[in-house]
Amino acid sequence: MSPTEDFSTATYAIASESVDVDIDGPDWATKDLLGTVRIRSESERPVFVGIAREADVARYLDGVEHAVVTEIGREPRYEERRGGAAEGAPADQPFWAASATGAGERTLEWEPEDGSWDVAVMNADGSRGVAADLSIGAELDPLIWIGIGLLGAGGLLAAGAAVAITAGIRRGSR
């Protein structure tokens, strides 16, 4: 998981810039290697965190006053969009691929799919003044084992090379 950062705005929503996911290759390889994406939120008020296709989020937030995150860090930077309130609570929208709603700590889990995706954070009731501590991560367990296997193979090759060099030096000194 990434470090937890405080995201807050006086607007009705916080949205990410779009992320393009292009999963080439067989389904078993991408699902086994990429794993599950997790977004953890923590807030005192009930918040909604959702991920959906870029076009659906753009349509929902069109005309809604919201902030788009342009830089993540100790103090995230935003580009604000003018508008009014959203029509309907975010959890009532049918287009979310994954979402989590509530106060306290909540975790959204999503299996990545091809396409352009956005994350939106809103108060569960759609009111203005969104604030949540957020972190993101992914389950990459198979990659750890692949890395350990490659590290072990590299160690064996290095040991074999050391033995070959030592044997060559001994023969050359005779």
Protein backbone atom coordinates (compact mmCIF):
# COMPACT_ATOMS: atom_id res chain seq x y z
CA MET A 1 0.00 0.00 0.00
CA SER A 2 1.10 3.55 -0.66
CA PRO A 3 1.49 5.92 2.26
CA THR A 4 -1.83 7.32 3.47
CA GLU A 5 -2.44 10.88 2.30
CA ASP A 6 -5.09 13.39 3.35
CA PHE A 7 -7.36 14.42 0.47
CA SER A 8 -9.87 17.19 1.06
CA THR A 9 -11.78 19.79 -0.92
CA ALA A 10 -14.69 22.15 -0.38
CA THR A 11 -16.27 20.84 -3.60
CA TYR A 12 -18.74 17.96 -4.06
CA ALA A 13 -16.22 15.36 -5.26
CA ILE A 14 -12.58 14.47 -5.69
CA ALA A 15 -11.72 12.66 -8.92
CA SER A 16 -8.50 11.12 -10.17
CA GLU A 17 -7.00 11.75 -13.55
CA SER A 18 -7.76 8.84 -15.86
CA VAL A 19 -5.64 5.72 -15.69
CA ASP A 20 -5.36 3.62 -18.85
CA VAL A 21 -5.22 -0.12 -18.25
CA ASP A 22 -4.03 -2.16 -21.21
CA ILE A 23 -3.84 -5.81 -20.28
CA ASP A 24 -2.34 -7.78 -23.17
CA GLY A 25 -1.86 -11.49 -22.99
CA PRO A 26 -3.86 -14.46 -21.78
CA ASP A 27 -6.41 -13.84 -19.02
CA TRP A 28 -4.77 -16.32 -16.64
CA ALA A 29 -1.44 -14.48 -16.84
CA THR A 30 -2.85 -11.00 -16.30
CA LYS A 31 -5.22 -11.99 -13.50
CA ASP A 32 -2.55 -14.06 -11.72
CA LEU A 33 0.24 -11.50 -12.06
CA LEU A 34 -1.61 -8.18 -11.74
CA GLY A 35 -3.84 -9.14 -8.84
CA THR A 36 -6.38 -7.02 -7.01
CA VAL A 37 -6.16 -3.23 -6.67
CA ARG A 38 -7.14 -1.88 -3.25
CA ILE A 39 -8.07 1.66 -2.28
CA ARG A 40 -8.33 2.19 1.45
CA SER A 41 -10.23 5.20 2.81
CA GLU A 42 -10.66 6.47 6.33
CA SER A 43 -12.95 9.32 7.33
CA GLU A 44 -15.13 10.52 10.17
CA ARG A 45 -18.11 11.11 7.86
CA PRO A 46 -19.56 8.42 5.59
CA VAL A 47 -17.77 8.70 2.24
CA PHE A 48 -18.19 6.93 -1.07
CA VAL A 49 -15.14 5.71 -3.01
CA GLY A 50 -15.80 4.30 -6.46
CA ILE A 51 -13.96 3.29 -9.59
CA ALA A 52 -15.63 3.38 -12.99
CA ARG A 53 -14.90 3.85 -16.65
CA GLU A 54 -13.65 7.35 -17.46
CA ALA A 55 -16.65 8.16 -19.67
CA ASP A 56 -19.17 7.22 -16.95
CA VAL A 57 -17.43 9.31 -14.27
CA ALA A 58 -17.10 12.24 -16.71
CA ARG A 59 -20.82 12.01 -17.51
CA TYR A 60 -21.80 11.83 -13.80
CA LEU A 61 -19.53 14.73 -12.79
CA ASP A 62 -20.35 16.88 -15.85
CA GLY A 63 -21.67 20.14 -14.43
CA VAL A 64 -20.71 19.13 -10.87
CA GLU A 65 -18.29 21.24 -8.84
CA HIS A 66 -15.38 18.90 -8.18
CA ALA A 67 -11.60 18.75 -7.84
CA VAL A 68 -9.35 16.61 -10.06
CA VAL A 69 -6.15 15.41 -8.40
CA THR A 70 -3.19 16.53 -10.51
CA GLU A 71 -0.36 15.68 -8.10
CA ILE A 72 -0.12 13.27 -5.20
CA GLY A 73 2.23 13.97 -2.32
CA ARG A 74 2.26 15.36 1.20
CA GLU A 75 -0.15 18.01 0.00
CA PRO A 76 -2.07 16.82 -3.06
CA ARG A 77 -2.73 19.41 -5.75
CA TYR A 78 -6.07 19.82 -7.46
CA GLU A 79 -7.58 21.41 -10.51
CA GLU A 80 -11.08 22.57 -9.65
CA ARG A 81 -14.05 22.35 -11.99
CA ARG A 82 -17.03 24.68 -11.51
CA GLY A 83 -20.60 23.52 -11.25
CA GLY A 84 -23.32 22.53 -8.83
CA ALA A 85 -24.30 19.44 -6.88
CA ALA A 86 -24.49 15.95 -8.36
CA GLU A 87 -27.86 14.47 -9.18
CA GLY A 88 -28.39 11.54 -6.87
CA ALA A 89 -26.14 9.90 -4.32
CA PRO A 90 -23.02 8.34 -5.82
CA ALA A 91 -23.80 4.84 -4.51
CA ASP A 92 -27.14 4.91 -6.39
CA GLN A 93 -25.37 5.12 -9.76
CA PRO A 94 -25.25 1.78 -11.62
CA PHE A 95 -21.96 2.25 -13.48
CA TRP A 96 -19.40 1.71 -10.70
CA ALA A 97 -17.14 -1.30 -11.29
CA ALA A 98 -16.30 -1.34 -7.57
CA SER A 99 -17.16 0.89 -4.63
CA ALA A 100 -17.09 1.20 -0.86
CA THR A 101 -19.25 3.43 1.33
CA GLY A 102 -19.19 4.33 5.01
CA ALA A 103 -17.41 6.09 7.86
CA GLY A 104 -14.22 4.81 9.46
CA GLU A 105 -11.90 2.56 7.50
CA ARG A 106 -13.25 1.08 4.26
CA THR A 107 -11.51 -0.86 1.50
CA LEU A 108 -12.51 -0.95 -2.16
CA GLU A 109 -11.22 -3.99 -4.08
CA TRP A 110 -11.16 -4.08 -7.88
CA GLU A 111 -9.97 -6.62 -10.43
CA PRO A 112 -8.38 -4.49 -13.20
CA GLU A 113 -9.88 -4.60 -16.69
CA ASP A 114 -8.90 -2.99 -20.00
CA GLY A 115 -9.98 0.59 -20.46
CA SER A 116 -9.66 4.10 -19.06
CA TRP A 117 -10.65 4.32 -15.40
CA ASP A 118 -11.29 7.09 -12.87
CA VAL A 119 -11.62 7.01 -9.09
CA ALA A 120 -14.12 9.33 -7.41
CA VAL A 121 -14.44 10.18 -3.72
CA MET A 122 -17.58 11.90 -2.46
CA ASN A 123 -19.56 12.25 0.73
CA ALA A 124 -22.04 9.38 0.79
CA ASP A 125 -24.96 11.84 0.78
CA GLY A 126 -23.46 13.86 -2.10
CA SER A 127 -22.89 16.99 0.01
CA ARG A 128 -19.93 19.34 -0.43
CA GLY A 129 -16.80 19.31 1.69
CA VAL A 130 -15.14 15.95 0.99
CA ALA A 131 -12.32 14.77 3.29
CA ALA A 132 -10.73 11.34 3.52
CA ASP A 133 -7.37 9.73 4.17
CA LEU A 134 -6.60 7.51 1.16
CA SER A 135 -4.01 4.95 0.17
CA ILE A 136 -3.76 2.64 -2.82
CA GLY A 137 -2.06 -0.68 -3.36
CA ALA A 138 -2.19 -3.91 -5.27
CA GLU A 139 -1.88 -7.56 -4.43
CA LEU A 140 1.18 -8.80 -6.30
CA ASP A 141 1.94 -12.06 -4.47
CA PRO A 142 3.03 -14.05 -7.56
CA LEU A 143 5.54 -11.33 -8.49
CA ILE A 144 7.25 -11.70 -5.11
CA TRP A 145 7.80 -15.42 -5.72
CA ILE A 146 8.99 -14.79 -9.27
CA GLY A 147 11.46 -12.21 -7.90
CA ILE A 148 12.69 -14.62 -5.21
CA GLY A 149 13.11 -17.35 -7.85
CA LEU A 150 15.09 -15.03 -10.14
CA LEU A 151 17.22 -13.85 -7.21
CA GLY A 152 17.97 -17.48 -6.27
CA ALA A 153 18.83 -18.36 -9.86
CA GLY A 154 21.12 -15.31 -10.06
CA GLY A 155 22.83 -16.39 -6.83
CA LEU A 156 23.45 -19.89 -8.23
CA LEU A 157 24.86 -18.44 -11.46
CA ALA A 158 27.14 -16.12 -9.47
CA ALA A 159 28.37 -19.04 -7.34
CA GLY A 160 28.99 -21.11 -10.48
CA ALA A 161 30.91 -18.24 -12.06
CA ALA A 162 33.03 -17.83 -8.91
CA VAL A 163 33.91 -21.55 -8.96
CA ALA A 164 34.80 -21.38 -12.68
CA ILE A 165 37.00 -18.31 -12.17
CA THR A 166 38.74 -19.87 -9.15
CA ALA A 167 39.37 -23.10 -11.10
CA GLY A 168 40.76 -21.10 -14.05
CA ILE A 169 43.11 -19.11 -11.83
CA ARG A 170 44.43 -22.28 -10.15
CA ARG A 171 45.13 -23.94 -13.52
CA GLY A 172 46.83 -20.80 -14.86
CA SER A 173 49.22 -20.57 -11.88
CA ARG A 174 50.59 -24.12 -12.39
